[in-house]
Amino acid sequence: MSAALAEWTAIQHVPFEGPGAIAREAARRGIALHPCRPYAGDALPDPAMLGGLVVMGGPMGVSDTAAHPWLADELELIRAVVQSGIPLLGVCLGAQLLAAALGAGVYPGPAAEIGPGSVTLTPEGRADPVLGAAGAAELPVVHWHGETFDLPIGALRLASSALYPNQAFRAGDCAYGLQFHVEVDRALAEGWREHLPQGVEIGGDQRRSVEACGREVIAAFFAYAGEHRA
């Protein structure tokens, strides 16, 4: 098996925040994307055996290691993956974990940002091979966060919103942190319904816009990851 098609792992922090459209795109490309659920006792993968790593979201915070002790080991894994040049995609909590693993601060944001919305790409984001693949300066996304982070040293800011300047970044050659969600498909949106705050809904048209944008971004990530590993 080539490095580009080597097995990937998707770390999931709660049952209802799965990889959604990320898993579908991986399957379309013949990439084995194996779930890892450390909250259920799964062992974290050996970075030496990884073709790539996806780190999903969750309601806990980066510093909640007393309640979720596996977060400390996850930070070590993320750091090793980035240092080894293995492709990584961190989503929401995954982006915060990536920032923390690379030495940046993670802390409460100015206000919770939850529900359908958008992010604006920076000039670097518009030129980026992954986020720039959507072909627009503003991307439809789903927000679900109340914390933010500083940019790791040397990272490129790729997207911002009015409340959160650091919405996406790239660190190293192929490690991406997305504070927002573009992996939301119909099944994922339905699974989130009972967990979202009262009054927050992801309408069908909004979800379809995010899903269409997400297809472009996720496909571009896997393509770029494949080129990087090749």
Protein backbone atom coordinates (compact mmCIF):
# COMPACT_ATOMS: atom_id res chain seq x y z
CA MET A 1 0.00 0.00 0.00
CA SER A 2 1.37 3.43 -0.90
CA ALA A 3 1.92 6.07 1.77
CA ALA A 4 -0.92 8.13 0.29
CA LEU A 5 -3.34 5.21 0.74
CA ALA A 6 -2.01 4.00 4.09
CA GLU A 7 -4.57 3.61 6.85
CA TRP A 8 -5.90 6.75 8.48
CA THR A 9 -7.48 7.18 11.91
CA ALA A 10 -10.37 9.47 12.88
CA ILE A 11 -10.40 10.28 16.60
CA GLN A 12 -13.93 10.80 17.88
CA HIS A 13 -14.61 12.38 21.27
CA VAL A 14 -18.36 11.80 21.65
CA PRO A 15 -20.72 9.40 19.84
CA PHE A 16 -22.60 12.09 17.91
CA GLU A 17 -19.60 13.95 16.44
CA GLY A 18 -18.41 11.54 13.79
CA PRO A 19 -16.46 12.39 10.62
CA GLY A 20 -19.53 12.73 8.38
CA ALA A 21 -18.52 13.80 4.88
CA ILE A 22 -14.84 13.26 5.72
CA ALA A 23 -15.46 9.52 5.97
CA ARG A 24 -17.42 9.50 2.73
CA GLU A 25 -14.63 11.24 0.82
CA ALA A 26 -12.02 8.92 2.31
CA ALA A 27 -14.04 5.89 1.19
CA ARG A 28 -14.43 7.37 -2.28
CA ARG A 29 -10.63 7.56 -2.52
CA GLY A 30 -10.07 4.04 -1.23
CA ILE A 31 -8.61 5.29 2.06
CA ALA A 32 -9.27 3.19 5.15
CA LEU A 33 -10.41 5.67 7.83
CA HIS A 34 -10.59 3.79 11.12
CA PRO A 35 -12.54 5.22 14.06
CA CYS A 36 -10.76 5.65 17.38
CA ARG A 37 -12.94 6.40 20.41
CA PRO A 38 -10.66 7.01 23.40
CA TYR A 39 -13.67 7.91 25.58
CA ALA A 40 -14.77 4.28 25.13
CA GLY A 41 -11.33 2.86 25.92
CA ASP A 42 -9.83 2.65 22.42
CA ALA A 43 -6.04 2.91 22.31
CA LEU A 44 -4.64 5.80 20.32
CA PRO A 45 -2.83 4.81 17.11
CA ASP A 46 0.91 4.48 16.67
CA PRO A 47 1.96 7.48 14.53
CA ALA A 48 4.49 5.27 12.74
CA MET A 49 1.57 3.30 11.29
CA LEU A 50 -0.52 6.25 10.17
CA GLY A 51 -1.11 7.57 6.68
CA GLY A 52 -3.02 10.48 8.19
CA LEU A 53 -5.01 11.61 11.22
CA VAL A 54 -8.41 13.29 11.57
CA VAL A 55 -9.33 14.76 14.98
CA MET A 56 -13.00 15.56 15.45
CA GLY A 57 -14.88 17.90 17.78
CA GLY A 58 -16.46 17.48 21.18
CA PRO A 59 -18.00 19.42 24.06
CA MET A 60 -14.97 19.10 26.35
CA GLY A 61 -12.10 21.57 26.42
CA VAL A 62 -8.39 21.06 25.79
CA SER A 63 -7.64 21.53 29.50
CA ASP A 64 -10.26 19.04 30.72
CA THR A 65 -7.67 16.34 31.28
CA ALA A 66 -8.89 15.48 34.79
CA ALA A 67 -12.27 14.38 33.44
CA HIS A 68 -10.83 13.06 30.19
CA PRO A 69 -7.25 11.88 30.89
CA TRP A 70 -6.80 10.56 27.35
CA LEU A 71 -6.65 14.18 26.12
CA ALA A 72 -3.06 14.45 27.40
CA ASP A 73 -2.01 11.42 25.35
CA GLU A 74 -3.90 12.80 22.38
CA LEU A 75 -1.90 16.03 22.54
CA GLU A 76 1.31 13.99 22.47
CA LEU A 77 0.05 12.01 19.48
CA ILE A 78 -0.86 15.17 17.56
CA ARG A 79 2.55 16.67 18.27
CA ALA A 80 4.29 13.52 17.00
CA VAL A 81 2.11 13.41 13.88
CA VAL A 82 2.94 17.01 12.95
CA GLN A 83 6.63 16.52 13.66
CA SER A 84 6.62 13.47 11.39
CA GLY A 85 4.95 15.37 8.55
CA ILE A 86 1.89 13.12 8.57
CA PRO A 87 -1.25 14.85 7.20
CA LEU A 88 -3.65 15.97 9.91
CA LEU A 89 -7.09 17.57 9.88
CA GLY A 90 -8.38 18.93 13.18
CA VAL A 91 -12.02 20.01 13.37
CA CYS A 92 -13.42 22.26 16.14
CA LEU A 93 -11.95 20.71 19.32
CA GLY A 94 -9.48 19.03 16.97
CA ALA A 95 -8.25 22.46 15.84
CA GLN A 96 -7.89 23.58 19.46
CA LEU A 97 -5.96 20.41 20.30
CA LEU A 98 -3.68 21.00 17.30
CA ALA A 99 -2.99 24.57 18.44
CA ALA A 100 -2.30 23.44 22.02
CA ALA A 101 -0.06 20.57 20.88
CA LEU A 102 2.05 23.13 19.02
CA GLY A 103 2.41 25.37 22.06
CA ALA A 104 -0.37 27.92 21.50
CA GLY A 105 -2.86 29.07 24.11
CA VAL A 106 -6.48 27.91 24.12
CA TYR A 107 -9.03 29.92 26.12
CA PRO A 108 -12.68 31.07 26.21
CA GLY A 109 -13.79 33.20 23.29
CA PRO A 110 -15.82 36.41 23.50
CA ALA A 111 -19.14 34.57 23.08
CA ALA A 112 -20.43 31.23 21.95
CA GLU A 113 -20.68 30.92 18.18
CA ILE A 114 -23.20 28.18 17.37
CA GLY A 115 -25.22 27.40 14.26
CA PRO A 116 -25.00 28.00 10.51
CA GLY A 117 -22.78 30.91 9.54
CA SER A 118 -19.72 31.70 7.50
CA VAL A 119 -16.01 32.40 7.63
CA THR A 120 -13.99 34.80 5.51
CA LEU A 121 -10.76 33.56 4.00
CA THR A 122 -7.60 35.58 4.48
CA PRO A 123 -5.38 36.22 1.43
CA GLU A 124 -3.38 33.16 2.55
CA GLY A 125 -6.60 31.18 2.79
CA ARG A 126 -7.69 32.12 -0.73
CA ALA A 127 -4.28 30.96 -1.99
CA ASP A 128 -4.32 27.80 0.10
CA PRO A 129 -4.64 24.50 -1.84
CA VAL A 130 -7.32 23.24 0.55
CA LEU A 131 -9.55 26.11 1.67
CA GLY A 132 -8.96 28.00 -1.55
CA ALA A 133 -10.36 25.04 -3.50
CA ALA A 134 -13.91 26.21 -2.72
CA GLY A 135 -13.30 29.15 -5.06
CA ALA A 136 -14.92 31.75 -2.80
CA ALA A 137 -13.72 34.34 -0.31
CA GLU A 138 -16.52 33.46 2.12
CA LEU A 139 -17.41 29.88 3.02
CA PRO A 140 -20.70 28.60 4.49
CA VAL A 141 -20.00 26.58 7.63
CA VAL A 142 -21.55 25.39 10.87
CA HIS A 143 -20.15 26.86 14.08
CA TRP A 144 -20.24 25.12 17.44
CA HIS A 145 -17.63 26.51 19.80
CA GLY A 146 -17.10 28.79 22.76
CA GLU A 147 -13.31 28.67 22.96
CA THR A 148 -10.60 30.03 20.73
CA PHE A 149 -6.82 29.78 20.41
CA ASP A 150 -3.70 31.70 19.51
CA LEU A 151 -1.93 30.79 16.30
CA PRO A 152 1.02 28.44 16.81
CA ILE A 153 4.38 29.96 15.93
CA GLY A 154 4.90 29.80 12.18
CA ALA A 155 1.28 28.87 11.39
CA LEU A 156 -0.70 30.64 8.68
CA ARG A 157 -4.10 32.12 9.49
CA LEU A 158 -6.47 30.99 6.75
CA ALA A 159 -9.94 32.15 7.84
CA SER A 160 -11.68 34.44 10.33
CA SER A 161 -15.13 35.46 11.50
CA ALA A 162 -16.36 38.62 13.21
CA LEU A 163 -16.12 37.03 16.68
CA TYR A 164 -13.18 34.69 16.14
CA PRO A 165 -10.14 35.95 14.21
CA ASN A 166 -8.51 32.51 14.21
CA GLN A 167 -11.00 30.24 12.46
CA ALA A 168 -8.56 28.14 10.43
CA PHE A 169 -4.83 27.71 10.16
CA ARG A 170 -2.18 25.55 8.55
CA ALA A 171 0.88 24.46 10.48
CA GLY A 172 3.84 22.87 8.75
CA ASP A 173 3.29 21.25 5.38
CA CYS A 174 -0.04 19.48 5.91
CA ALA A 175 -1.59 20.04 9.35
CA TYR A 176 -4.89 21.93 9.21
CA GLY A 177 -7.01 23.24 12.06
CA LEU A 178 -10.61 24.23 11.28
CA GLN A 179 -12.51 25.77 14.18
CA PHE A 180 -15.71 25.34 12.17
CA HIS A 181 -17.49 22.36 10.60
CA VAL A 182 -17.68 21.62 6.86
CA GLU A 183 -18.14 17.85 7.28
CA VAL A 184 -21.84 18.20 8.15
CA ASP A 185 -24.02 15.93 6.01
CA ARG A 186 -27.66 15.05 6.51
CA ALA A 187 -27.03 12.16 8.89
CA LEU A 188 -24.63 14.18 11.03
CA ALA A 189 -27.00 17.16 11.19
CA GLU A 190 -29.85 14.92 12.31
CA GLY A 191 -27.64 13.34 14.96
CA TRP A 192 -26.72 16.78 16.30
CA ARG A 193 -30.32 17.99 16.57
CA GLU A 194 -30.96 16.91 20.16
CA HIS A 195 -27.58 18.19 21.36
CA LEU A 196 -27.73 21.72 19.92
CA PRO A 197 -28.85 24.57 22.20
CA GLN A 198 -32.53 25.37 22.16
CA GLY A 199 -33.42 27.57 19.21
CA VAL A 200 -30.40 26.56 17.11
CA GLU A 201 -31.28 24.67 13.96
CA ILE A 202 -29.45 23.60 10.82
CA GLY A 203 -31.98 24.10 8.05
CA GLY A 204 -31.98 21.92 4.96
CA ASP A 205 -30.86 24.68 2.60
CA GLN A 206 -28.14 25.78 5.01
CA ARG A 207 -26.92 22.22 5.45
CA ARG A 208 -26.84 21.66 1.69
CA SER A 209 -24.74 24.82 1.21
CA VAL A 210 -22.27 23.68 3.86
CA GLU A 211 -22.18 20.18 2.42
CA ALA A 212 -21.45 21.45 -1.10
CA CYS A 213 -18.62 23.64 0.18
CA GLY A 214 -17.38 20.84 2.40
CA ARG A 215 -17.12 18.43 -0.52
CA GLU A 216 -14.69 20.79 -2.24
CA VAL A 217 -12.62 21.48 0.86
CA ILE A 218 -12.45 17.87 2.07
CA ALA A 219 -11.62 16.51 -1.38
CA ALA A 220 -8.87 19.12 -1.70
CA PHE A 221 -7.47 18.15 1.69
CA PHE A 222 -7.20 14.48 0.77
CA ALA A 223 -5.71 15.35 -2.62
CA TYR A 224 -3.14 17.62 -1.03
CA ALA A 225 -2.39 15.03 1.66
CA GLY A 226 -1.82 12.41 -1.02
CA GLU A 227 0.57 14.65 -2.92
CA HIS A 228 2.38 15.50 0.31
CA ARG A 229 2.83 11.87 1.34
CA ALA A 230 3.81 10.78 -2.17
